[in-house]
Amino acid sequence: MNKGLLIVLSGPSGVGKGTVCSVLRSKMPNLTYSVSATTRPPRQGEVDGVNYFFKTREQFQEMIARDALLEHAEYVDNYYGTPRDFVDRTLASGKDIILEIEVQGALKVKEKFPQGVFIFLMPPSLDELKQRITGRGTEEQHVIDHRMSVAAEEISLIRYYDYAVVNDEIDAACKRIESIIIAEHCRKDRFMSELADMLPASEKV
């Protein structure tokens, strides 16, 4: 059985990563969502191992020390990270797993897991991205300006990704990502072990 694929979906804040990921999972029920670990307390209704892997600060720091995370960061005095073991077990079972993450975190994952499939979600334009962020109505102008500056820097990092998908319309963007996943499963290197048994002795290395 071939191993599954690690699909890393990232892009600038406001581009719609969460919405695209949610719709994509509804269209591809066999696609596993990567569960993050965190030190923040569970909120009402959250389940350990489903919403997050809830850890004490000491447990999380021990995971960092033994390189058990593909990436991690600290926000508002709480750690968040991607457990390597959960990803490895899912892939070994033959299932694909998707990781929805910010750009800097994605580049950290690429350092430790370069065989992943890295997809950059693009806005149709920077003007459209600004409209989406402004449309939330939750942030002041200086915050919006900062987000736009960061977004421009993040878009310049697209060269480290395998694919770029424009999120002009949710269903269309999901279809493009589905096509990428199908194509990746058809790469010849995923069949080399089976092909070895089919080749004549003179063709085997």
Protein backbone atom coordinates (compact mmCIF):
# COMPACT_ATOMS: atom_id res chain seq x y z
CA MET A 1 0.00 0.00 0.00
CA ASN A 2 1.30 3.41 -0.98
CA LYS A 3 1.69 6.00 1.75
CA GLY A 4 -0.70 8.91 1.83
CA LEU A 5 0.15 12.46 0.86
CA LEU A 6 0.79 15.36 3.21
CA ILE A 7 -0.94 18.34 1.60
CA VAL A 8 0.07 21.71 3.05
CA LEU A 9 -2.33 24.53 2.24
CA SER A 10 -1.21 28.04 3.12
CA GLY A 11 -1.41 31.62 1.99
CA PRO A 12 -1.80 35.14 3.37
CA SER A 13 -4.28 36.00 6.12
CA GLY A 14 -7.71 36.69 4.66
CA VAL A 15 -7.26 34.60 1.52
CA GLY A 16 -9.85 32.04 2.68
CA LYS A 17 -7.73 29.06 3.75
CA GLY A 18 -10.16 27.91 6.43
CA THR A 19 -13.20 28.07 4.17
CA VAL A 20 -11.48 26.30 1.28
CA CYS A 21 -10.14 23.61 3.62
CA SER A 22 -13.58 23.05 5.15
CA VAL A 23 -15.31 22.73 1.76
CA LEU A 24 -12.51 20.53 0.43
CA ARG A 25 -12.89 18.12 3.35
CA SER A 26 -16.65 17.88 2.71
CA LYS A 27 -15.93 17.00 -0.91
CA MET A 28 -13.12 14.55 -0.04
CA PRO A 29 -14.27 12.67 3.10
CA ASN A 30 -11.18 10.46 3.08
CA LEU A 31 -8.95 13.51 3.49
CA THR A 32 -7.77 13.67 7.12
CA TYR A 33 -7.42 17.03 8.82
CA SER A 34 -4.15 17.50 10.69
CA VAL A 35 -4.94 17.98 14.39
CA SER A 36 -2.67 20.49 16.12
CA ALA A 37 -1.29 20.31 19.64
CA THR A 38 -1.76 23.25 21.99
CA THR A 39 -1.19 24.31 25.57
CA ARG A 40 -4.31 26.44 25.75
CA PRO A 41 -7.16 25.00 27.86
CA PRO A 42 -10.02 23.22 26.04
CA ARG A 43 -13.06 25.35 25.32
CA GLN A 44 -16.54 24.05 26.00
CA GLY A 45 -17.37 21.20 23.62
CA GLU A 46 -13.81 20.69 22.39
CA VAL A 47 -12.55 17.10 22.42
CA ASP A 48 -8.95 16.01 22.90
CA GLY A 49 -7.64 14.40 19.71
CA VAL A 50 -10.45 15.86 17.60
CA ASN A 51 -10.19 19.64 17.92
CA TYR A 52 -6.67 19.68 19.37
CA PHE A 53 -4.24 17.51 21.27
CA PHE A 54 -4.31 19.35 24.59
CA LYS A 55 -0.92 19.38 26.34
CA THR A 56 0.57 20.93 29.43
CA ARG A 57 3.35 23.44 28.84
CA GLU A 58 5.86 20.89 30.13
CA GLN A 59 4.55 18.20 27.75
CA PHE A 60 4.74 20.59 24.81
CA GLN A 61 8.29 21.67 25.65
CA GLU A 62 9.27 18.01 25.87
CA MET A 63 7.83 17.50 22.36
CA ILE A 64 9.95 20.39 21.12
CA ALA A 65 13.05 18.93 22.77
CA ARG A 66 12.67 15.54 21.07
CA ASP A 67 11.81 17.07 17.67
CA ALA A 68 8.29 15.62 17.78
CA LEU A 69 6.73 18.60 15.96
CA LEU A 70 6.89 19.48 12.27
CA GLU A 71 6.46 23.13 13.27
CA HIS A 72 5.44 25.14 16.29
CA ALA A 73 4.84 28.71 17.40
CA GLU A 74 3.76 30.60 20.49
CA TYR A 75 0.72 32.90 20.44
CA VAL A 76 -0.61 34.80 23.46
CA ASP A 77 1.39 32.70 25.93
CA ASN A 78 0.21 29.40 24.45
CA TYR A 79 2.06 26.97 22.20
CA TYR A 80 0.58 25.56 18.99
CA GLY A 81 2.23 22.96 16.77
CA THR A 82 1.85 20.05 14.35
CA PRO A 83 2.67 16.65 15.91
CA ARG A 84 4.89 14.60 13.64
CA ASP A 85 3.62 11.26 15.01
CA PHE A 86 -0.03 11.93 14.06
CA VAL A 87 1.02 12.91 10.54
CA ASP A 88 3.33 9.88 10.14
CA ARG A 89 0.69 7.40 11.37
CA THR A 90 -1.96 8.84 9.07
CA LEU A 91 0.33 8.72 6.03
CA ALA A 92 1.51 5.17 6.86
CA SER A 93 -2.13 4.03 6.86
CA GLY A 94 -2.40 5.19 3.24
CA LYS A 95 -4.60 8.20 4.00
CA ASP A 96 -3.95 11.73 2.79
CA ILE A 97 -3.72 14.46 5.42
CA ILE A 98 -4.16 18.20 4.94
CA LEU A 99 -2.46 20.84 7.03
CA GLU A 100 -3.94 24.36 6.88
CA ILE A 101 -1.27 26.73 8.12
CA GLU A 102 0.29 30.16 7.85
CA VAL A 103 3.15 30.71 5.40
CA GLN A 104 6.01 30.76 7.93
CA GLY A 105 4.77 27.53 9.49
CA ALA A 106 4.51 25.91 6.05
CA LEU A 107 8.14 26.72 5.30
CA LYS A 108 9.15 25.11 8.60
CA VAL A 109 7.21 21.98 7.62
CA LYS A 110 8.95 21.95 4.23
CA GLU A 111 12.35 21.86 5.95
CA LYS A 112 11.40 18.68 7.84
CA PHE A 113 9.02 17.13 5.29
CA PRO A 114 10.13 18.21 1.80
CA GLN A 115 8.18 15.35 0.17
CA GLY A 116 4.90 17.05 1.09
CA VAL A 117 2.68 18.74 -1.50
CA PHE A 118 2.82 22.49 -0.86
CA ILE A 119 -0.06 24.56 -2.25
CA PHE A 120 -0.16 28.35 -2.03
CA LEU A 121 -3.67 29.84 -1.99
CA MET A 122 -3.62 33.15 -3.87
CA PRO A 123 -6.10 36.02 -3.79
CA PRO A 124 -7.36 37.18 -7.21
CA SER A 125 -5.55 40.47 -6.49
CA LEU A 126 -4.21 42.45 -3.56
CA ASP A 127 -7.17 44.82 -3.90
CA GLU A 128 -9.56 41.88 -3.51
CA LEU A 129 -7.60 40.62 -0.49
CA LYS A 130 -7.85 44.07 1.12
CA GLN A 131 -11.60 44.12 0.52
CA ARG A 132 -11.97 40.71 2.19
CA ILE A 133 -9.96 41.80 5.24
CA THR A 134 -11.78 45.14 5.44
CA GLY A 135 -15.13 43.38 5.03
CA ARG A 136 -14.65 41.59 8.34
CA GLY A 137 -15.19 44.94 10.05
CA THR A 138 -13.13 43.82 13.03
CA GLU A 139 -9.80 45.59 12.50
CA GLU A 140 -8.56 49.16 12.51
CA GLN A 141 -6.90 50.70 9.46
CA HIS A 142 -3.34 50.41 10.76
CA VAL A 143 -3.90 46.69 11.39
CA ILE A 144 -5.26 46.25 7.86
CA ASP A 145 -2.26 48.10 6.42
CA HIS A 146 0.10 45.84 8.37
CA ARG A 147 -1.72 42.71 7.17
CA MET A 148 -1.45 43.89 3.57
CA SER A 149 2.28 44.54 3.96
CA VAL A 150 2.78 41.06 5.41
CA ALA A 151 0.63 39.54 2.65
CA ALA A 152 2.84 41.07 -0.04
CA GLU A 153 5.92 39.60 1.64
CA GLU A 154 4.25 36.18 1.95
CA ILE A 155 3.22 36.14 -1.71
CA SER A 156 6.88 36.67 -2.62
CA LEU A 157 7.60 33.30 -0.93
CA ILE A 158 5.45 31.42 -3.44
CA ARG A 159 8.67 30.23 -5.09
CA TYR A 160 9.06 27.67 -2.29
CA TYR A 161 5.72 26.01 -3.13
CA ASP A 162 4.82 23.32 -5.65
CA TYR A 163 1.50 24.79 -6.78
CA ALA A 164 -0.45 28.04 -6.73
CA VAL A 165 -4.25 28.13 -6.68
CA VAL A 166 -6.23 31.36 -7.06
CA ASN A 167 -9.17 31.51 -4.68
CA ASP A 168 -11.48 33.50 -6.92
CA GLU A 169 -14.44 31.22 -6.19
CA ILE A 170 -14.55 28.57 -3.46
CA ASP A 171 -15.82 25.58 -5.47
CA ALA A 172 -13.48 26.34 -8.37
CA ALA A 173 -10.48 26.60 -6.01
CA CYS A 174 -11.43 23.27 -4.39
CA LYS A 175 -11.68 21.57 -7.79
CA ARG A 176 -8.17 22.78 -8.65
CA ILE A 177 -6.81 21.40 -5.38
CA GLU A 178 -8.63 18.09 -5.94
CA SER A 179 -6.99 17.91 -9.38
CA ILE A 180 -3.56 18.51 -7.82
CA ILE A 181 -4.10 15.71 -5.29
CA ILE A 182 -5.24 13.29 -8.02
CA ALA A 183 -2.23 14.19 -10.19
CA GLU A 184 0.17 13.73 -7.27
CA HIS A 185 -1.22 10.23 -6.68
CA CYS A 186 -0.47 9.45 -10.34
CA ARG A 187 3.21 10.42 -10.18
CA LYS A 188 5.33 7.56 -11.52
CA ASP A 189 7.62 7.46 -8.48
CA ARG A 190 4.67 6.28 -6.37
CA PHE A 191 4.53 3.14 -8.51
CA MET A 192 8.20 2.26 -8.78
CA SER A 193 8.06 -0.65 -6.33
CA GLU A 194 5.15 -2.22 -8.26
CA LEU A 195 6.84 -1.54 -11.61
CA ALA A 196 9.95 -3.38 -10.47
CA ASP A 197 7.97 -6.62 -10.38
CA MET A 198 6.63 -6.03 -13.90
CA LEU A 199 9.92 -5.26 -15.63
CA PRO A 200 11.94 -7.97 -17.38
CA ALA A 201 15.15 -8.96 -15.60
CA SER A 202 17.24 -7.06 -18.18
CA GLU A 203 15.45 -3.81 -17.29
CA LYS A 204 15.89 -4.05 -13.52
CA VAL A 205 18.60 -2.05 -11.83
